Each structure stands twice: as C-alpha cells, then as structure tokens.
Amino acid sequence: MIRSDQIWLVWEPIDMRAGMDRLSAWVQDSLGRSPCDGSAFVFRNRRTTRLKLLLWDGNGVWLCQRRLHQGFFTWPSPGDPLHTLSQEQWNWLIAGVDWTRLNARPNPAWKV
C-alpha cells in the first residue's frame, strides 16, 4: 500500500535504466511538479510490462520497480501527461488487473 496524497501515472514511457535523480528531474522539468510534494509518480516502459514508482516519504526517496512475467499493465489512453489513481485502482493496477473497468457502468440496453 502506498501512503501518498496522490498517485500519478505518467503517460509517456521512460528508459527503465533511469534512476531517482533523473526521474525526479523529469517530474520537475517536464511536469512542473515537485517530486517531494508527497505524491507518488508511476512510470512505465514502452511495452507496459514494467513499472517504476518514485515516492518521497518525508525522509528520503523510494524508487521501486515491478515487472509482470505475463501480460501487461493497463495504462490510460494518451492525453494528459499525468493521470491520477485512487488507492483501490493502484492495488488493481499492480496486480495486473484492468483497473479501468472497475467502475464501468452496465449498458442500459442489456437485458437480464
């Protein structure tokens, strides 16, 4: 569980060799946000099989990585450079589940 004010998905894929200094500079320069504002920033590779999490916890910076052995992480459509997630959506994302369908409304034309 992430203890963060906000969880932000960064749409643009990154080079997974990037470390915390490079990712922090990217957040500040490209997004105009402070990497130390209590938010968690989640980055992905091109194939969307790996994630990197950058998080300032008040004492230092965390940089964590997760890799799926099968399948892909569900990522938002292109548009805004950042997309925010709830804690529940984050939990589904890292489990490899399509978190975008969790709040899908049923089609009114469907009959039971």
PDB file of N, CA and C in Angstrom:
ATOM      1  N   MET A   1       0.847  -1.171   0.000  1.00  0.00           N
ATOM      2  CA  MET A   1       0.000   0.000   0.000  1.00  0.00           C
ATOM      3  C   MET A   1       0.896   1.238   0.000  1.00  0.00           C
ATOM      4  N   ILE A   2       0.575   2.178  -0.825  1.00  0.00           N
ATOM      5  CA  ILE A   2       1.296   3.436  -0.880  1.00  0.00           C
ATOM      6  C   ILE A   2       0.603   4.413   0.058  1.00  0.00           C
ATOM      7  N   ARG A   3       1.365   5.054   0.889  1.00  0.00           N
ATOM      8  CA  ARG A   3       0.825   6.120   1.731  1.00  0.00           C
ATOM      9  C   ARG A   3       1.221   7.442   1.091  1.00  0.00           C
ATOM     10  N   SER A   4       0.349   7.901   0.231  1.00  0.00           N
ATOM     11  CA  SER A   4       0.645   9.099  -0.546  1.00  0.00           C
ATOM     12  C   SER A   4      -0.622   9.908  -0.719  1.00  0.00           C
ATOM     13  N   ASP A   5      -0.448  11.229  -0.876  1.00  0.00           N
ATOM     14  CA  ASP A   5      -1.597  12.099  -1.122  1.00  0.00           C
ATOM     15  C   ASP A   5      -2.255  11.761  -2.452  1.00  0.00           C
ATOM     16  N   GLN A   6      -1.415  11.562  -3.466  1.00  0.00           N
ATOM     17  CA  GLN A   6      -1.921  11.241  -4.799  1.00  0.00           C
ATOM     18  C   GLN A   6      -0.981  10.273  -5.489  1.00  0.00           C
ATOM     19  N   ILE A   7      -1.562   9.435  -6.342  1.00  0.00           N
ATOM     20  CA  ILE A   7      -0.782   8.511  -7.160  1.00  0.00           C
ATOM     21  C   ILE A   7      -0.971   8.954  -8.606  1.00  0.00           C
ATOM     22  N   TRP A   8       0.127   9.333  -9.247  1.00  0.00           N
ATOM     23  CA  TRP A   8       0.085   9.844 -10.610  1.00  0.00           C
ATOM     24  C   TRP A   8       0.725   8.847 -11.564  1.00  0.00           C
ATOM     25  N   LEU A   9       0.021   8.495 -12.626  1.00  0.00           N
ATOM     26  CA  LEU A   9       0.589   7.690 -13.706  1.00  0.00           C
ATOM     27  C   LEU A   9       1.119   8.645 -14.764  1.00  0.00           C
ATOM     28  N   VAL A  10       2.372   8.490 -15.116  1.00  0.00           N
ATOM     29  CA  VAL A  10       2.981   9.314 -16.154  1.00  0.00           C
ATOM     30  C   VAL A  10       2.785   8.584 -17.472  1.00  0.00           C
ATOM     31  N   TRP A  11       2.094   9.216 -18.418  1.00  0.00           N
ATOM     32  CA  TRP A  11       1.722   8.520 -19.647  1.00  0.00           C
ATOM     33  C   TRP A  11       2.921   8.165 -20.511  1.00  0.00           C
ATOM     34  N   GLU A  12       3.862   9.062 -20.675  1.00  0.00           N
ATOM     35  CA  GLU A  12       4.992   8.848 -21.580  1.00  0.00           C
ATOM     36  C   GLU A  12       5.917   7.740 -21.053  1.00  0.00           C
ATOM     37  N   PRO A  13       6.271   6.747 -21.891  1.00  0.00           N
ATOM     38  CA  PRO A  13       7.182   5.695 -21.433  1.00  0.00           C
ATOM     39  C   PRO A  13       8.582   6.251 -21.177  1.00  0.00           C
ATOM     40  N   ILE A  14       9.298   5.608 -20.249  1.00  0.00           N
ATOM     41  CA  ILE A  14      10.648   6.051 -19.902  1.00  0.00           C
ATOM     42  C   ILE A  14      11.645   4.926 -20.132  1.00  0.00           C
ATOM     43  N   ASP A  15      12.906   5.284 -20.135  1.00  0.00           N
ATOM     44  CA  ASP A  15      14.005   4.327 -20.153  1.00  0.00           C
ATOM     45  C   ASP A  15      14.111   3.767 -18.731  1.00  0.00           C
ATOM     46  N   MET A  16      13.924   2.476 -18.566  1.00  0.00           N
ATOM     47  CA  MET A  16      13.890   1.877 -17.238  1.00  0.00           C
ATOM     48  C   MET A  16      15.248   1.891 -16.539  1.00  0.00           C
ATOM     49  N   ARG A  17      16.289   2.325 -17.225  1.00  0.00           N
ATOM     50  CA  ARG A  17      17.587   2.475 -16.569  1.00  0.00           C
ATOM     51  C   ARG A  17      17.662   3.760 -15.759  1.00  0.00           C
ATOM     52  N   ALA A  18      16.676   4.640 -15.910  1.00  0.00           N
ATOM     53  CA  ALA A  18      16.668   5.928 -15.208  1.00  0.00           C
ATOM     54  C   ALA A  18      16.594   5.699 -13.704  1.00  0.00           C
ATOM     55  N   GLY A  19      17.386   6.462 -12.989  1.00  0.00           N
ATOM     56  CA  GLY A  19      17.407   6.391 -11.529  1.00  0.00           C
ATOM     57  C   GLY A  19      16.563   7.481 -10.905  1.00  0.00           C
ATOM     58  N   MET A  20      16.635   7.566  -9.570  1.00  0.00           N
ATOM     59  CA  MET A  20      15.776   8.518  -8.865  1.00  0.00           C
ATOM     60  C   MET A  20      16.113   9.973  -9.174  1.00  0.00           C
ATOM     61  N   ASP A  21      17.384  10.296  -9.394  1.00  0.00           N
ATOM     62  CA  ASP A  21      17.730  11.685  -9.714  1.00  0.00           C
ATOM     63  C   ASP A  21      17.183  12.088 -11.077  1.00  0.00           C
ATOM     64  N   ARG A  22      17.337  11.222 -12.056  1.00  0.00           N
ATOM     65  CA  ARG A  22      16.843  11.522 -13.401  1.00  0.00           C
ATOM     66  C   ARG A  22      15.319  11.608 -13.441  1.00  0.00           C
ATOM     67  N   LEU A  23      14.641  10.683 -12.753  1.00  0.00           N
ATOM     68  CA  LEU A  23      13.177  10.706 -12.726  1.00  0.00           C
ATOM     69  C   LEU A  23      12.656  11.916 -11.947  1.00  0.00           C
ATOM     70  N   SER A  24      13.335  12.270 -10.856  1.00  0.00           N
ATOM     71  CA  SER A  24      12.937  13.468 -10.087  1.00  0.00           C
ATOM     72  C   SER A  24      13.074  14.717 -10.935  1.00  0.00           C
ATOM     73  N   ALA A  25      14.175  14.820 -11.681  1.00  0.00           N
ATOM     74  CA  ALA A  25      14.379  15.970 -12.570  1.00  0.00           C
ATOM     75  C   ALA A  25      13.318  15.992 -13.659  1.00  0.00           C
ATOM     76  N   TRP A  26      12.939  14.812 -14.174  1.00  0.00           N
ATOM     77  CA  TRP A  26      11.921  14.730 -15.215  1.00  0.00           C
ATOM     78  C   TRP A  26      10.574  15.220 -14.690  1.00  0.00           C
ATOM     79  N   VAL A  27      10.214  14.812 -13.465  1.00  0.00           N
ATOM     80  CA  VAL A  27       8.951  15.252 -12.855  1.00  0.00           C
ATOM     81  C   VAL A  27       8.946  16.771 -12.722  1.00  0.00           C
ATOM     82  N   GLN A  28      10.061  17.312 -12.270  1.00  0.00           N
ATOM     83  CA  GLN A  28      10.142  18.753 -12.053  1.00  0.00           C
ATOM     84  C   GLN A  28      10.169  19.527 -13.370  1.00  0.00           C
ATOM     85  N   ASP A  29      10.991  19.096 -14.324  1.00  0.00           N
ATOM     86  CA  ASP A  29      11.156  19.841 -15.573  1.00  0.00           C
ATOM     87  C   ASP A  29      10.012  19.637 -16.556  1.00  0.00           C
ATOM     88  N   SER A  30       9.581  18.405 -16.746  1.00  0.00           N
ATOM     89  CA  SER A  30       8.565  18.107 -17.757  1.00  0.00           C
ATOM     90  C   SER A  30       7.144  18.308 -17.264  1.00  0.00           C
ATOM     91  N   LEU A  31       6.904  18.014 -15.990  1.00  0.00           N
ATOM     92  CA  LEU A  31       5.544  18.099 -15.467  1.00  0.00           C
ATOM     93  C   LEU A  31       5.301  19.355 -14.646  1.00  0.00           C
ATOM     94  N   GLY A  32       6.373  20.041 -14.271  1.00  0.00           N
ATOM     95  CA  GLY A  32       6.223  21.247 -13.472  1.00  0.00           C
ATOM     96  C   GLY A  32       5.747  20.969 -12.065  1.00  0.00           C
ATOM     97  N   ARG A  33       6.006  19.770 -11.560  1.00  0.00           N
ATOM     98  CA  ARG A  33       5.587  19.392 -10.210  1.00  0.00           C
ATOM     99  C   ARG A  33       6.822  19.134  -9.365  1.00  0.00           C
ATOM    100  N   SER A  34       6.670  19.236  -8.077  1.00  0.00           N
ATOM    101  CA  SER A  34       7.765  18.917  -7.171  1.00  0.00           C
ATOM    102  C   SER A  34       7.750  17.423  -6.891  1.00  0.00           C
ATOM    103  N   PRO A  35       8.873  16.732  -7.080  1.00  0.00           N
ATOM    104  CA  PRO A  35       8.900  15.300  -6.769  1.00  0.00           C
ATOM    105  C   PRO A  35       8.812  15.032  -5.269  1.00  0.00           C
ATOM    106  N   CYS A  36       8.887  16.080  -4.455  1.00  0.00           N
ATOM    107  CA  CYS A  36       8.855  15.933  -2.991  1.00  0.00           C
ATOM    108  C   CYS A  36       7.554  16.453  -2.388  1.00  0.00           C
ATOM    109  N   ASP A  37       6.473  16.515  -3.160  1.00  0.00           N
ATOM    110  CA  ASP A  37       5.219  17.083  -2.663  1.00  0.00           C
ATOM    111  C   ASP A  37       4.316  16.052  -1.981  1.00  0.00           C
ATOM    112  N   GLY A  38       4.820  14.846  -1.773  1.00  0.00           N
ATOM    113  CA  GLY A  38       4.011  13.810  -1.128  1.00  0.00           C
ATOM    114  C   GLY A  38       3.263  12.933  -2.113  1.00  0.00           C
ATOM    115  N   SER A  39       3.386  13.217  -3.401  1.00  0.00           N
ATOM    116  CA  SER A  39       2.731  12.398  -4.427  1.00  0.00           C
ATOM    117  C   SER A  39       3.637  11.253  -4.841  1.00  0.00           C
ATOM    118  N   ALA A  40       3.027  10.199  -5.336  1.00  0.00           N
ATOM    119  CA  ALA A  40       3.758   9.070  -5.915  1.00  0.00           C
ATOM    120  C   ALA A  40       3.651   9.189  -7.427  1.00  0.00           C
ATOM    121  N   PHE A  41       4.765   9.017  -8.112  1.00  0.00           N
ATOM    122  CA  PHE A  41       4.789   9.094  -9.575  1.00  0.00           C
ATOM    123  C   PHE A  41       5.141   7.714 -10.110  1.00  0.00           C
ATOM    124  N   VAL A  42       4.301   7.208 -11.013  1.00  0.00           N
ATOM    125  CA  VAL A  42       4.478   5.868 -11.560  1.00  0.00           C
ATOM    126  C   VAL A  42       4.815   5.994 -13.039  1.00  0.00           C
ATOM    127  N   PHE A  43       5.923   5.383 -13.425  1.00  0.00           N
ATOM    128  CA  PHE A  43       6.413   5.404 -14.798  1.00  0.00           C
ATOM    129  C   PHE A  43       6.324   3.995 -15.376  1.00  0.00           C
ATOM    130  N   ARG A  44       6.311   3.891 -16.701  1.00  0.00           N
ATOM    131  CA  ARG A  44       6.228   2.590 -17.368  1.00  0.00           C
ATOM    132  C   ARG A  44       7.259   2.502 -18.474  1.00  0.00           C
ATOM    133  N   ASN A  45       7.537   1.268 -18.913  1.00  0.00           N
ATOM    134  CA  ASN A  45       8.371   1.090 -20.104  1.00  0.00           C
ATOM    135  C   ASN A  45       7.469   1.069 -21.336  1.00  0.00           C
ATOM    136  N   ARG A  46       8.060   0.986 -22.519  1.00  0.00           N
ATOM    137  CA  ARG A  46       7.271   1.014 -23.767  1.00  0.00           C
ATOM    138  C   ARG A  46       6.285  -0.138 -23.871  1.00  0.00           C
ATOM    139  N   ARG A  47       6.690  -1.318 -23.461  1.00  0.00           N
ATOM    140  CA  ARG A  47       5.822  -2.499 -23.589  1.00  0.00           C
ATOM    141  C   ARG A  47       4.801  -2.594 -22.462  1.00  0.00           C
ATOM    142  N   THR A  48       4.878  -1.729 -21.493  1.00  0.00           N
ATOM    143  CA  THR A  48       3.981  -1.685 -20.331  1.00  0.00           C
ATOM    144  C   THR A  48       4.026  -2.990 -19.536  1.00  0.00           C
ATOM    145  N   THR A  49       5.202  -3.579 -19.450  1.00  0.00           N
ATOM    146  CA  THR A  49       5.395  -4.781 -18.640  1.00  0.00           C
ATOM    147  C   THR A  49       6.158  -4.477 -17.359  1.00  0.00           C
ATOM    148  N   ARG A  50       6.673  -3.240 -17.238  1.00  0.00           N
ATOM    149  CA  ARG A  50       7.425  -2.833 -16.054  1.00  0.00           C
ATOM    150  C   ARG A  50       6.972  -1.461 -15.596  1.00  0.00           C
ATOM    151  N   LEU A  51       6.972  -1.287 -14.274  1.00  0.00           N
ATOM    152  CA  LEU A  51       6.637  -0.013 -13.666  1.00  0.00           C
ATOM    153  C   LEU A  51       7.777   0.412 -12.757  1.00  0.00           C
ATOM    154  N   LYS A  52       7.945   1.727 -12.615  1.00  0.00           N
ATOM    155  CA  LYS A  52       8.832   2.297 -11.613  1.00  0.00           C
ATOM    156  C   LYS A  52       8.022   3.305 -10.819  1.00  0.00           C
ATOM    157  N   LEU A  53       8.182   3.261  -9.498  1.00  0.00           N
ATOM    158  CA  LEU A  53       7.469   4.141  -8.588  1.00  0.00           C
ATOM    159  C   LEU A  53       8.478   5.044  -7.904  1.00  0.00           C
ATOM    160  N   LEU A  54       8.251   6.346  -7.992  1.00  0.00           N
ATOM    161  CA  LEU A  54       9.090   7.343  -7.335  1.00  0.00           C
ATOM    162  C   LEU A  54       8.246   7.991  -6.250  1.00  0.00           C
ATOM    163  N   LEU A  55       8.724   7.947  -5.004  1.00  0.00           N
ATOM    164  CA  LEU A  55       7.928   8.440  -3.879  1.00  0.00           C
ATOM    165  C   LEU A  55       8.832   9.059  -2.831  1.00  0.00           C
ATOM    166  N   TRP A  56       8.534  10.279  -2.433  1.00  0.00           N
ATOM    167  CA  TRP A  56       9.215  10.942  -1.333  1.00  0.00           C
ATOM    168  C   TRP A  56       8.379  10.703  -0.086  1.00  0.00           C
ATOM    169  N   ASP A  57       8.982  10.137   0.973  1.00  0.00           N
ATOM    170  CA  ASP A  57       8.215   9.813   2.178  1.00  0.00           C
ATOM    171  C   ASP A  57       8.442  10.791   3.320  1.00  0.00           C
ATOM    172  N   GLY A  58       9.135  11.896   3.058  1.00  0.00           N
ATOM    173  CA  GLY A  58       9.400  12.876   4.105  1.00  0.00           C
ATOM    174  C   GLY A  58      10.819  12.791   4.629  1.00  0.00           C
ATOM    175  N   ASN A  59      11.424  11.607   4.551  1.00  0.00           N
ATOM    176  CA  ASN A  59      12.806  11.408   4.993  1.00  0.00           C
ATOM    177  C   ASN A  59      13.750  11.122   3.850  1.00  0.00           C
ATOM    178  N   GLY A  60      13.213  10.607   2.778  1.00  0.00           N
ATOM    179  CA  GLY A  60      14.035  10.225   1.644  1.00  0.00           C
ATOM    180  C   GLY A  60      13.163   9.809   0.471  1.00  0.00           C
ATOM    181  N   VAL A  61      13.812   9.339  -0.561  1.00  0.00           N
ATOM    182  CA  VAL A  61      13.129   8.972  -1.795  1.00  0.00           C
ATOM    183  C   VAL A  61      13.126   7.454  -1.941  1.00  0.00           C
ATOM    184  N   TRP A  62      11.978   6.912  -2.319  1.00  0.00           N
ATOM    185  CA  TRP A  62      11.836   5.497  -2.662  1.00  0.00           C
ATOM    186  C   TRP A  62      11.787   5.376  -4.176  1.00  0.00           C
ATOM    187  N   LEU A  63      12.487   4.397  -4.706  1.00  0.00           N
ATOM    188  CA  LEU A  63      12.383   4.062  -6.119  1.00  0.00           C
ATOM    189  C   LEU A  63      12.197   2.554  -6.185  1.00  0.00           C
ATOM    190  N   CYS A  64      11.018   2.129  -6.579  1.00  0.00           N
ATOM    191  CA  CYS A  64      10.669   0.711  -6.615  1.00  0.00           C
ATOM    192  C   CYS A  64      10.329   0.322  -8.044  1.00  0.00           C
ATOM    193  N   GLN A  65      10.509  -0.946  -8.355  1.00  0.00           N
ATOM    194  CA  GLN A  65      10.213  -1.441  -9.701  1.00  0.00           C
ATOM    195  C   GLN A  65       9.394  -2.717  -9.593  1.00  0.00           C
ATOM    196  N   ARG A  66       8.459  -2.888 -10.526  1.00  0.00           N
ATOM    197  CA  ARG A  66       7.645  -4.117 -10.595  1.00  0.00           C
ATOM    198  C   ARG A  66       7.617  -4.574 -12.037  1.00  0.00           C
ATOM    199  N   ARG A  67       7.702  -5.904 -12.223  1.00  0.00           N
ATOM    200  CA  ARG A  67       7.684  -6.478 -13.570  1.00  0.00           C
ATOM    201  C   ARG A  67       6.646  -7.583 -13.614  1.00  0.00           C
ATOM    202  N   LEU A  68       5.873  -7.603 -14.682  1.00  0.00           N
ATOM    203  CA  LEU A  68       4.943  -8.707 -14.925  1.00  0.00           C
ATOM    204  C   LEU A  68       5.642  -9.735 -15.805  1.00  0.00           C
ATOM    205  N   HIS A  69       5.469 -10.992 -15.477  1.00  0.00           N
ATOM    206  CA  HIS A  69       6.053 -12.058 -16.301  1.00  0.00           C
ATOM    207  C   HIS A  69       5.138 -12.417 -17.466  1.00  0.00           C
ATOM    208  N   GLN A  70       3.844 -12.163 -17.302  1.00  0.00           N
ATOM    209  CA  GLN A  70       2.879 -12.396 -18.375  1.00  0.00           C
ATOM    210  C   GLN A  70       1.909 -11.229 -18.398  1.00  0.00           C
ATOM    211  N   GLY A  71       1.493 -10.847 -19.577  1.00  0.00           N
ATOM    212  CA  GLY A  71       0.507  -9.780 -19.713  1.00  0.00           C
ATOM    213  C   GLY A  71       1.126  -8.398 -19.630  1.00  0.00           C
ATOM    214  N   PHE A  72       0.242  -7.411 -19.473  1.00  0.00           N
ATOM    215  CA  PHE A  72       0.641  -6.013 -19.491  1.00  0.00           C
ATOM    216  C   PHE A  72      -0.093  -5.270 -18.393  1.00  0.00           C
ATOM    217  N   PHE A  73       0.495  -4.175 -17.930  1.00  0.00           N
ATOM    218  CA  PHE A  73      -0.210  -3.277 -17.033  1.00  0.00           C
ATOM    219  C   PHE A  73      -1.180  -2.441 -17.868  1.00  0.00           C
ATOM    220  N   THR A  74      -2.373  -2.188 -17.333  1.00  0.00           N
ATOM    221  CA  THR A  74      -3.340  -1.344 -18.017  1.00  0.00           C
ATOM    222  C   THR A  74      -2.954   0.104 -17.789  1.00  0.00           C
ATOM    223  N   TRP A  75      -2.855   0.858 -18.863  1.00  0.00           N
ATOM    224  CA  TRP A  75      -2.418   2.250 -18.794  1.00  0.00           C
ATOM    225  C   TRP A  75      -3.481   3.125 -19.413  1.00  0.00           C
ATOM    226  N   PRO A  76      -3.661   4.346 -18.937  1.00  0.00           N
ATOM    227  CA  PRO A  76      -4.680   5.224 -19.526  1.00  0.00           C
ATOM    228  C   PRO A  76      -4.340   5.600 -20.965  1.00  0.00           C
ATOM    229  N   SER A  77      -5.348   6.021 -21.691  1.00  0.00           N
ATOM    230  CA  SER A  77      -5.166   6.450 -23.076  1.00  0.00           C
ATOM    231  C   SER A  77      -4.333   7.723 -23.129  1.00  0.00           C
ATOM    232  N   PRO A  78      -3.707   7.972 -24.284  1.00  0.00           N
ATOM    233  CA  PRO A  78      -2.933   9.208 -24.412  1.00  0.00           C
ATOM    234  C   PRO A  78      -3.813  10.430 -24.206  1.00  0.00           C
ATOM    235  N   GLY A  79      -3.213  11.453 -23.746  1.00  0.00           N
ATOM    236  CA  GLY A  79      -3.945  12.688 -23.486  1.00  0.00           C
ATOM    237  C   GLY A  79      -3.122  13.524 -22.541  1.00  0.00           C
ATOM    238  N   ASP A  80      -3.594  13.633 -21.319  1.00  0.00           N
ATOM    239  CA  ASP A  80      -2.838  14.361 -20.308  1.00  0.00           C
ATOM    240  C   ASP A  80      -1.536  13.621 -20.002  1.00  0.00           C
ATOM    241  N   PRO A  81      -0.469  14.357 -19.692  1.00  0.00           N
ATOM    242  CA  PRO A  81       0.791  13.690 -19.359  1.00  0.00           C
ATOM    243  C   PRO A  81       0.720  12.953 -18.027  1.00  0.00           C
ATOM    244  N   LEU A  82      -0.268  13.313 -17.187  1.00  0.00           N
ATOM    245  CA  LEU A  82      -0.449  12.666 -15.886  1.00  0.00           C
ATOM    246  C   LEU A  82      -1.889  12.190 -15.732  1.00  0.00           C
ATOM    247  N   HIS A  83      -2.042  11.081 -15.032  1.00  0.00           N
ATOM    248  CA  HIS A  83      -3.371  10.546 -14.733  1.00  0.00           C
ATOM    249  C   HIS A  83      -3.339  10.110 -13.273  1.00  0.00           C
ATOM    250  N   THR A  84      -4.313  10.521 -12.478  1.00  0.00           N
ATOM    251  CA  THR A  84      -4.318  10.176 -11.059  1.00  0.00           C
ATOM    252  C   THR A  84      -5.129   8.904 -10.808  1.00  0.00           C
ATOM    253  N   LEU A  85      -4.710   8.140  -9.799  1.00  0.00           N
ATOM    254  CA  LEU A  85      -5.368   6.893  -9.424  1.00  0.00           C
ATOM    255  C   LEU A  85      -5.797   6.943  -7.962  1.00  0.00           C
ATOM    256  N   SER A  86      -6.850   6.218  -7.639  1.00  0.00           N
ATOM    257  CA  SER A  86      -7.217   6.011  -6.241  1.00  0.00           C
ATOM    258  C   SER A  86      -6.367   4.856  -5.697  1.00  0.00           C
ATOM    259  N   GLN A  87      -6.395   4.679  -4.394  1.00  0.00           N
ATOM    260  CA  GLN A  87      -5.648   3.575  -3.778  1.00  0.00           C
ATOM    261  C   GLN A  87      -6.158   2.225  -4.289  1.00  0.00           C
ATOM    262  N   GLU A  88      -7.467   2.099  -4.452  1.00  0.00           N
ATOM    263  CA  GLU A  88      -8.050   0.855  -4.957  1.00  0.00           C
ATOM    264  C   GLU A  88      -7.595   0.571  -6.395  1.00  0.00           C
ATOM    265  N   GLN A  89      -7.617   1.602  -7.236  1.00  0.00           N
ATOM    266  CA  GLN A  89      -7.161   1.427  -8.613  1.00  0.00           C
ATOM    267  C   GLN A  89      -5.682   1.043  -8.650  1.00  0.00           C
ATOM    268  N   TRP A  90      -4.870   1.646  -7.785  1.00  0.00           N
ATOM    269  CA  TRP A  90      -3.444   1.305  -7.697  1.00  0.00           C
ATOM    270  C   TRP A  90      -3.267  -0.173  -7.359  1.00  0.00           C
ATOM    271  N   ASN A  91      -4.024  -0.658  -6.380  1.00  0.00           N
ATOM    272  CA  ASN A  91      -3.916  -2.062  -5.982  1.00  0.00           C
ATOM    273  C   ASN A  91      -4.248  -2.992  -7.143  1.00  0.00           C
ATOM    274  N   TRP A  92      -5.260  -2.655  -7.920  1.00  0.00           N
ATOM    275  CA  TRP A  92      -5.617  -3.470  -9.080  1.00  0.00           C
ATOM    276  C   TRP A  92      -4.561  -3.360 -10.171  1.00  0.00           C
ATOM    277  N   LEU A  93      -4.030  -2.166 -10.405  1.00  0.00           N
ATOM    278  CA  LEU A  93      -3.002  -1.966 -11.422  1.00  0.00           C
ATOM    279  C   LEU A  93      -1.795  -2.850 -11.166  1.00  0.00           C
ATOM    280  N   ILE A  94      -1.255  -2.824  -9.950  1.00  0.00           N
ATOM    281  CA  ILE A  94      -0.042  -3.592  -9.674  1.00  0.00           C
ATOM    282  C   ILE A  94      -0.298  -5.096  -9.650  1.00  0.00           C
ATOM    283  N   ALA A  95      -1.571  -5.500  -9.522  1.00  0.00           N
ATOM    284  CA  ALA A  95      -1.919  -6.912  -9.602  1.00  0.00           C
ATOM    285  C   ALA A  95      -2.061  -7.372 -11.049  1.00  0.00           C
ATOM    286  N   GLY A  96      -2.001  -6.428 -12.001  1.00  0.00           N
ATOM    287  CA  GLY A  96      -2.126  -6.778 -13.411  1.00  0.00           C
ATOM    288  C   GLY A  96      -3.558  -6.840 -13.898  1.00  0.00           C
ATOM    289  N   VAL A  97      -4.487  -6.291 -13.109  1.00  0.00           N
ATOM    290  CA  VAL A  97      -5.913  -6.313 -13.461  1.00  0.00           C
ATOM    291  C   VAL A  97      -6.259  -5.007 -14.179  1.00  0.00           C
ATOM    292  N   ASP A  98      -7.212  -5.063 -15.121  1.00  0.00           N
ATOM    293  CA  ASP A  98      -7.655  -3.874 -15.843  1.00  0.00           C
ATOM    294  C   ASP A  98      -8.473  -2.990 -14.902  1.00  0.00           C
ATOM    295  N   TRP A  99      -7.815  -2.060 -14.248  1.00  0.00           N
ATOM    296  CA  TRP A  99      -8.455  -1.182 -13.267  1.00  0.00           C
ATOM    297  C   TRP A  99      -9.421  -0.194 -13.904  1.00  0.00           C
ATOM    298  N   THR A 100      -9.323   0.023 -15.218  1.00  0.00           N
ATOM    299  CA  THR A 100     -10.210   0.982 -15.880  1.00  0.00           C
ATOM    300  C   THR A 100     -11.636   0.459 -15.979  1.00  0.00           C
ATOM    301  N   ARG A 101     -11.832  -0.836 -15.821  1.00  0.00           N
ATOM    302  CA  ARG A 101     -13.166  -1.427 -15.943  1.00  0.00           C
ATOM    303  C   ARG A 101     -13.853  -1.619 -14.602  1.00  0.00           C
ATOM    304  N   LEU A 102     -13.205  -1.249 -13.516  1.00  0.00           N
ATOM    305  CA  LEU A 102     -13.786  -1.466 -12.192  1.00  0.00           C
ATOM    306  C   LEU A 102     -15.043  -0.640 -11.959  1.00  0.00           C
ATOM    307  N   ASN A 103     -15.103   0.534 -12.543  1.00  0.00           N
ATOM    308  CA  ASN A 103     -16.258   1.411 -12.365  1.00  0.00           C
ATOM    309  C   ASN A 103     -17.137   1.478 -13.603  1.00  0.00           C
ATOM    310  N   ALA A 104     -16.997   0.492 -14.483  1.00  0.00           N
ATOM    311  CA  ALA A 104     -17.772   0.509 -15.728  1.00  0.00           C
ATOM    312  C   ALA A 104     -19.255   0.340 -15.418  1.00  0.00           C
ATOM    313  N   ARG A 105     -20.052   1.163 -16.037  1.00  0.00           N
ATOM    314  CA  ARG A 105     -21.498   1.067 -15.860  1.00  0.00           C
ATOM    315  C   ARG A 105     -22.052   0.077 -16.886  1.00  0.00           C
ATOM    316  N   PRO A 106     -23.044  -0.704 -16.491  1.00  0.00           N
ATOM    317  CA  PRO A 106     -23.635  -1.633 -17.446  1.00  0.00           C
ATOM    318  C   PRO A 106     -24.361  -0.893 -18.564  1.00  0.00           C
ATOM    319  N   ASN A 107     -24.359  -1.488 -19.719  1.00  0.00           N
ATOM    320  CA  ASN A 107     -25.059  -0.917 -20.867  1.00  0.00           C
ATOM    321  C   ASN A 107     -26.555  -0.954 -20.595  1.00  0.00           C
ATOM    322  N   PRO A 108     -27.267   0.185 -20.717  1.00  0.00           N
ATOM    323  CA  PRO A 108     -28.708   0.191 -20.415  1.00  0.00           C
ATOM    324  C   PRO A 108     -29.508  -0.702 -21.355  1.00  0.00           C
ATOM    325  N   ALA A 109     -28.948  -1.069 -22.508  1.00  0.00           N
ATOM    326  CA  ALA A 109     -29.662  -1.915 -23.458  1.00  0.00           C
ATOM    327  C   ALA A 109     -29.591  -3.406 -23.061  1.00  0.00           C
ATOM    328  N   TRP A 110     -28.708  -3.748 -22.134  1.00  0.00           N
ATOM    329  CA  TRP A 110     -28.573  -5.144 -21.719  1.00  0.00           C
ATOM    330  C   TRP A 110     -29.811  -5.579 -20.947  1.00  0.00           C
ATOM    331  N   LYS A 111     -30.239  -6.793 -21.208  1.00  0.00           N
ATOM    332  CA  LYS A 111     -31.402  -7.357 -20.507  1.00  0.00           C
ATOM    333  C   LYS A 111     -30.949  -8.585 -19.738  1.00  0.00           C
ATOM    334  N   VAL A 112     -31.476  -8.729 -18.546  1.00  0.00           N
ATOM    335  CA  VAL A 112     -31.124  -9.878 -17.706  1.00  0.00           C
ATOM    336  C   VAL A 112     -32.224 -10.907 -17.781  1.00  0.00           C
TER     337      VAL A 112
END
